[in-house]
N, C-alpha and C. Protein backbone atom coordinates (compact mmCIF):
# COMPACT_ATOMS: atom_id res chain seq x y z
N MET A 1 -14.05 -5.01 0.59
CA MET A 1 -12.74 -5.01 1.20
C MET A 1 -12.48 -3.66 1.86
N TYR A 2 -11.56 -3.67 2.79
CA TYR A 2 -11.19 -2.47 3.54
C TYR A 2 -9.67 -2.34 3.48
N GLY A 3 -9.19 -1.13 3.23
CA GLY A 3 -7.75 -0.90 3.16
C GLY A 3 -7.30 0.29 3.96
N ARG A 4 -6.03 0.26 4.31
CA ARG A 4 -5.39 1.37 5.01
C ARG A 4 -3.98 1.51 4.47
N ILE A 5 -3.56 2.74 4.30
CA ILE A 5 -2.19 3.05 3.92
C ILE A 5 -1.72 4.13 4.88
N GLY A 6 -0.62 3.87 5.57
CA GLY A 6 -0.15 4.83 6.56
C GLY A 6 1.36 4.97 6.56
N ARG A 7 1.81 6.14 6.95
CA ARG A 7 3.23 6.44 7.04
C ARG A 7 3.61 6.56 8.52
N ILE A 8 4.70 5.90 8.88
CA ILE A 8 5.20 5.94 10.24
C ILE A 8 6.66 6.38 10.19
N THR A 9 7.01 7.36 11.01
CA THR A 9 8.41 7.78 11.10
C THR A 9 9.01 7.24 12.39
N ALA A 10 10.09 6.51 12.23
CA ALA A 10 10.79 5.92 13.37
C ALA A 10 11.85 6.89 13.88
N ALA A 11 12.30 6.65 15.09
CA ALA A 11 13.43 7.41 15.63
C ALA A 11 14.63 7.17 14.71
N THR A 12 15.52 8.14 14.66
CA THR A 12 16.69 8.06 13.78
C THR A 12 17.42 6.73 13.97
N GLY A 13 17.59 6.04 12.85
CA GLY A 13 18.31 4.78 12.85
C GLY A 13 17.52 3.58 13.32
N LYS A 14 16.24 3.74 13.62
CA LYS A 14 15.42 2.65 14.17
C LYS A 14 14.40 2.08 13.18
N ARG A 15 14.45 2.54 11.92
CA ARG A 15 13.45 2.10 10.94
C ARG A 15 13.46 0.58 10.76
N ASP A 16 14.63 -0.02 10.60
CA ASP A 16 14.69 -1.46 10.35
C ASP A 16 14.19 -2.25 11.56
N ALA A 17 14.51 -1.78 12.75
CA ALA A 17 14.03 -2.46 13.97
C ALA A 17 12.51 -2.38 14.05
N LEU A 18 11.97 -1.22 13.73
CA LEU A 18 10.51 -1.06 13.75
C LEU A 18 9.87 -1.93 12.69
N ALA A 19 10.44 -1.98 11.50
CA ALA A 19 9.89 -2.83 10.43
C ALA A 19 9.87 -4.28 10.87
N ALA A 20 10.92 -4.74 11.51
CA ALA A 20 10.98 -6.13 11.97
C ALA A 20 9.87 -6.41 12.98
N ILE A 21 9.63 -5.48 13.88
CA ILE A 21 8.56 -5.65 14.87
C ILE A 21 7.20 -5.72 14.18
N LEU A 22 6.97 -4.82 13.23
CA LEU A 22 5.69 -4.82 12.52
C LEU A 22 5.48 -6.12 11.75
N LEU A 23 6.52 -6.64 11.16
CA LEU A 23 6.40 -7.85 10.35
C LEU A 23 6.25 -9.11 11.19
N GLU A 24 6.85 -9.14 12.36
CA GLU A 24 6.77 -10.37 13.17
C GLU A 24 5.39 -10.58 13.76
N SER A 25 4.57 -9.55 13.80
CA SER A 25 3.24 -9.68 14.40
C SER A 25 2.14 -9.98 13.39
N THR A 26 2.50 -10.22 12.13
CA THR A 26 1.49 -10.32 11.07
C THR A 26 1.20 -11.75 10.61
N GLN A 27 1.68 -12.74 11.32
CA GLN A 27 1.53 -14.11 10.85
C GLN A 27 0.10 -14.63 10.90
N ALA A 28 -0.63 -14.33 11.94
CA ALA A 28 -1.98 -14.88 12.08
C ALA A 28 -2.96 -13.77 12.42
N MET A 29 -3.43 -13.08 11.40
CA MET A 29 -4.41 -12.01 11.59
C MET A 29 -5.64 -12.37 10.74
N PRO A 30 -6.66 -12.97 11.35
CA PRO A 30 -7.85 -13.36 10.59
C PRO A 30 -8.44 -12.18 9.82
N GLY A 31 -8.71 -12.42 8.56
CA GLY A 31 -9.30 -11.39 7.71
C GLY A 31 -8.30 -10.53 6.98
N CYS A 32 -7.01 -10.67 7.30
CA CYS A 32 -5.98 -9.87 6.63
C CYS A 32 -5.63 -10.53 5.31
N LEU A 33 -5.83 -9.81 4.23
CA LEU A 33 -5.53 -10.32 2.90
C LEU A 33 -4.15 -9.89 2.42
N SER A 34 -3.67 -8.76 2.93
CA SER A 34 -2.35 -8.27 2.54
C SER A 34 -1.87 -7.28 3.60
N TYR A 35 -0.58 -7.41 3.96
CA TYR A 35 0.03 -6.50 4.93
C TYR A 35 1.46 -6.30 4.46
N VAL A 36 1.75 -5.12 3.96
CA VAL A 36 3.06 -4.83 3.38
C VAL A 36 3.71 -3.67 4.12
N VAL A 37 4.93 -3.89 4.58
CA VAL A 37 5.73 -2.85 5.21
C VAL A 37 6.82 -2.48 4.22
N ALA A 38 6.91 -1.19 3.87
CA ALA A 38 7.88 -0.73 2.87
C ALA A 38 8.68 0.44 3.40
N ALA A 39 9.96 0.45 3.06
CA ALA A 39 10.81 1.58 3.41
C ALA A 39 10.49 2.75 2.48
N ASP A 40 10.43 3.94 3.03
CA ASP A 40 10.25 5.16 2.23
C ASP A 40 11.56 5.42 1.51
N ALA A 41 11.51 5.55 0.20
CA ALA A 41 12.72 5.75 -0.59
C ALA A 41 13.37 7.11 -0.37
N ALA A 42 12.62 8.08 0.13
CA ALA A 42 13.15 9.44 0.29
C ALA A 42 13.50 9.79 1.74
N ASP A 43 13.04 8.99 2.69
CA ASP A 43 13.26 9.30 4.10
C ASP A 43 13.82 8.05 4.79
N PRO A 44 15.05 8.09 5.26
CA PRO A 44 15.67 6.89 5.84
C PRO A 44 15.07 6.44 7.16
N ASP A 45 14.14 7.21 7.72
CA ASP A 45 13.52 6.83 8.98
C ASP A 45 12.04 6.48 8.83
N ALA A 46 11.51 6.54 7.61
CA ALA A 46 10.07 6.37 7.43
C ALA A 46 9.71 5.02 6.80
N LEU A 47 8.53 4.54 7.20
CA LEU A 47 7.94 3.32 6.65
C LEU A 47 6.55 3.64 6.14
N TRP A 48 6.12 2.88 5.15
CA TRP A 48 4.74 2.90 4.69
C TRP A 48 4.16 1.52 4.96
N VAL A 49 2.97 1.47 5.55
CA VAL A 49 2.30 0.21 5.80
C VAL A 49 1.01 0.21 4.98
N THR A 50 0.88 -0.80 4.13
CA THR A 50 -0.30 -0.95 3.28
C THR A 50 -1.02 -2.23 3.69
N GLU A 51 -2.28 -2.10 4.05
CA GLU A 51 -3.06 -3.24 4.54
C GLU A 51 -4.33 -3.40 3.71
N VAL A 52 -4.71 -4.66 3.49
CA VAL A 52 -6.00 -4.97 2.88
C VAL A 52 -6.65 -6.04 3.76
N TRP A 53 -7.88 -5.78 4.14
CA TRP A 53 -8.65 -6.66 5.02
C TRP A 53 -9.94 -7.04 4.33
N ASP A 54 -10.53 -8.15 4.76
CA ASP A 54 -11.82 -8.53 4.18
C ASP A 54 -12.90 -7.51 4.56
N ASN A 55 -12.76 -6.88 5.74
CA ASN A 55 -13.67 -5.81 6.14
C ASN A 55 -13.06 -5.02 7.30
N ALA A 56 -13.65 -3.89 7.60
CA ALA A 56 -13.13 -3.02 8.66
C ALA A 56 -13.20 -3.67 10.04
N ALA A 57 -14.19 -4.52 10.26
CA ALA A 57 -14.32 -5.19 11.56
C ALA A 57 -13.14 -6.12 11.82
N SER A 58 -12.65 -6.79 10.78
CA SER A 58 -11.48 -7.67 10.95
C SER A 58 -10.25 -6.85 11.33
N HIS A 59 -10.09 -5.69 10.71
CA HIS A 59 -8.97 -4.83 11.08
C HIS A 59 -9.08 -4.42 12.55
N LYS A 60 -10.24 -3.97 12.94
CA LYS A 60 -10.44 -3.53 14.32
C LYS A 60 -10.18 -4.68 15.30
N ALA A 61 -10.66 -5.87 14.97
CA ALA A 61 -10.45 -7.04 15.83
C ALA A 61 -8.97 -7.40 15.93
N SER A 62 -8.21 -7.16 14.88
CA SER A 62 -6.79 -7.51 14.90
C SER A 62 -6.03 -6.74 15.97
N LEU A 63 -6.52 -5.56 16.29
CA LEU A 63 -5.84 -4.73 17.28
C LEU A 63 -5.93 -5.30 18.69
N THR A 64 -6.80 -6.29 18.88
CA THR A 64 -6.93 -6.93 20.19
C THR A 64 -6.14 -8.24 20.30
N LEU A 65 -5.56 -8.69 19.20
CA LEU A 65 -4.79 -9.95 19.22
C LEU A 65 -3.55 -9.80 20.09
N PRO A 66 -3.21 -10.80 20.89
CA PRO A 66 -2.03 -10.72 21.75
C PRO A 66 -0.74 -10.38 21.00
N ALA A 67 -0.52 -10.98 19.83
CA ALA A 67 0.71 -10.70 19.08
C ALA A 67 0.75 -9.25 18.60
N VAL A 68 -0.40 -8.72 18.21
CA VAL A 68 -0.47 -7.33 17.75
C VAL A 68 -0.30 -6.39 18.94
N GLN A 69 -0.92 -6.69 20.06
CA GLN A 69 -0.76 -5.87 21.26
C GLN A 69 0.71 -5.84 21.69
N ALA A 70 1.39 -7.00 21.63
CA ALA A 70 2.80 -7.06 22.00
C ALA A 70 3.65 -6.23 21.04
N ALA A 71 3.34 -6.29 19.75
CA ALA A 71 4.08 -5.50 18.76
C ALA A 71 3.87 -4.01 18.98
N ILE A 72 2.67 -3.62 19.32
CA ILE A 72 2.38 -2.20 19.60
C ILE A 72 3.22 -1.74 20.79
N ALA A 73 3.23 -2.52 21.85
CA ALA A 73 4.00 -2.15 23.05
C ALA A 73 5.50 -2.09 22.76
N LYS A 74 5.98 -3.02 21.97
CA LYS A 74 7.41 -3.07 21.64
C LYS A 74 7.81 -1.98 20.65
N GLY A 75 6.93 -1.68 19.70
CA GLY A 75 7.25 -0.72 18.65
C GLY A 75 7.02 0.73 19.00
N ARG A 76 6.07 1.00 19.87
CA ARG A 76 5.71 2.38 20.20
C ARG A 76 6.91 3.24 20.60
N PRO A 77 7.86 2.75 21.43
CA PRO A 77 8.99 3.59 21.80
C PRO A 77 9.90 3.97 20.62
N LEU A 78 9.79 3.24 19.52
CA LEU A 78 10.63 3.52 18.35
C LEU A 78 9.98 4.51 17.38
N ILE A 79 8.72 4.86 17.63
CA ILE A 79 7.96 5.70 16.70
C ILE A 79 8.02 7.16 17.14
N VAL A 80 8.38 8.02 16.17
CA VAL A 80 8.40 9.46 16.41
C VAL A 80 7.04 10.06 16.05
N THR A 81 6.53 9.71 14.86
CA THR A 81 5.23 10.22 14.44
C THR A 81 4.50 9.23 13.54
N PHE A 82 3.18 9.34 13.56
CA PHE A 82 2.33 8.69 12.57
C PHE A 82 1.97 9.80 11.59
N GLY A 83 2.29 9.60 10.34
CA GLY A 83 2.01 10.62 9.33
C GLY A 83 0.69 10.36 8.64
N ASN A 84 0.69 10.57 7.35
CA ASN A 84 -0.52 10.38 6.55
C ASN A 84 -1.07 8.99 6.77
N MET A 85 -2.39 8.90 6.91
CA MET A 85 -3.08 7.62 6.96
C MET A 85 -4.39 7.79 6.22
N VAL A 86 -4.60 6.91 5.27
CA VAL A 86 -5.85 6.97 4.51
C VAL A 86 -6.53 5.61 4.56
N GLU A 87 -7.83 5.64 4.56
CA GLU A 87 -8.62 4.43 4.43
C GLU A 87 -9.01 4.31 2.96
N THR A 88 -8.99 3.08 2.46
CA THR A 88 -9.33 2.85 1.06
C THR A 88 -10.36 1.74 0.95
N ALA A 89 -10.91 1.60 -0.22
CA ALA A 89 -11.84 0.51 -0.55
C ALA A 89 -11.21 -0.26 -1.71
N PRO A 90 -10.32 -1.22 -1.40
CA PRO A 90 -9.64 -1.95 -2.49
C PRO A 90 -10.65 -2.63 -3.43
N ILE A 91 -10.31 -2.58 -4.69
CA ILE A 91 -11.16 -3.17 -5.72
C ILE A 91 -10.62 -4.54 -6.12
N GLY A 92 -9.31 -4.71 -6.13
CA GLY A 92 -8.68 -5.95 -6.50
C GLY A 92 -7.24 -5.72 -6.87
N GLY A 93 -6.58 -6.75 -7.32
CA GLY A 93 -5.20 -6.64 -7.73
C GLY A 93 -4.46 -7.95 -7.50
N VAL A 94 -3.19 -7.97 -7.83
CA VAL A 94 -2.39 -9.18 -7.68
C VAL A 94 -2.41 -9.61 -6.22
N GLY A 95 -2.73 -10.86 -5.98
CA GLY A 95 -2.75 -11.39 -4.63
C GLY A 95 -4.07 -11.23 -3.90
N LEU A 96 -4.98 -10.45 -4.46
CA LEU A 96 -6.29 -10.26 -3.82
C LEU A 96 -7.33 -11.02 -4.60
N ARG A 97 -8.32 -11.50 -3.89
CA ARG A 97 -9.38 -12.23 -4.58
C ARG A 97 -10.34 -11.31 -5.26
């Protein structure tokens, strides 16, 4: 499995709008086992995105999907910075095979 955890800071007051955009593009992503968008409890403008994929190639391929491309175009103007991003090797857990 392949995982990514990243922090995104939205423009002031735009976190919920950005979260909605990120979530609407996640319905049909082949190979995606988990995609979670979470509000940062300490920063009212920040989100954490946690992803688990069957492999890194599936993640890379997802970036070419029309729905994902549209979400990137729509969401980019709301993003101030991309913060910490780490790649992980998920071992398992609730909801994962």
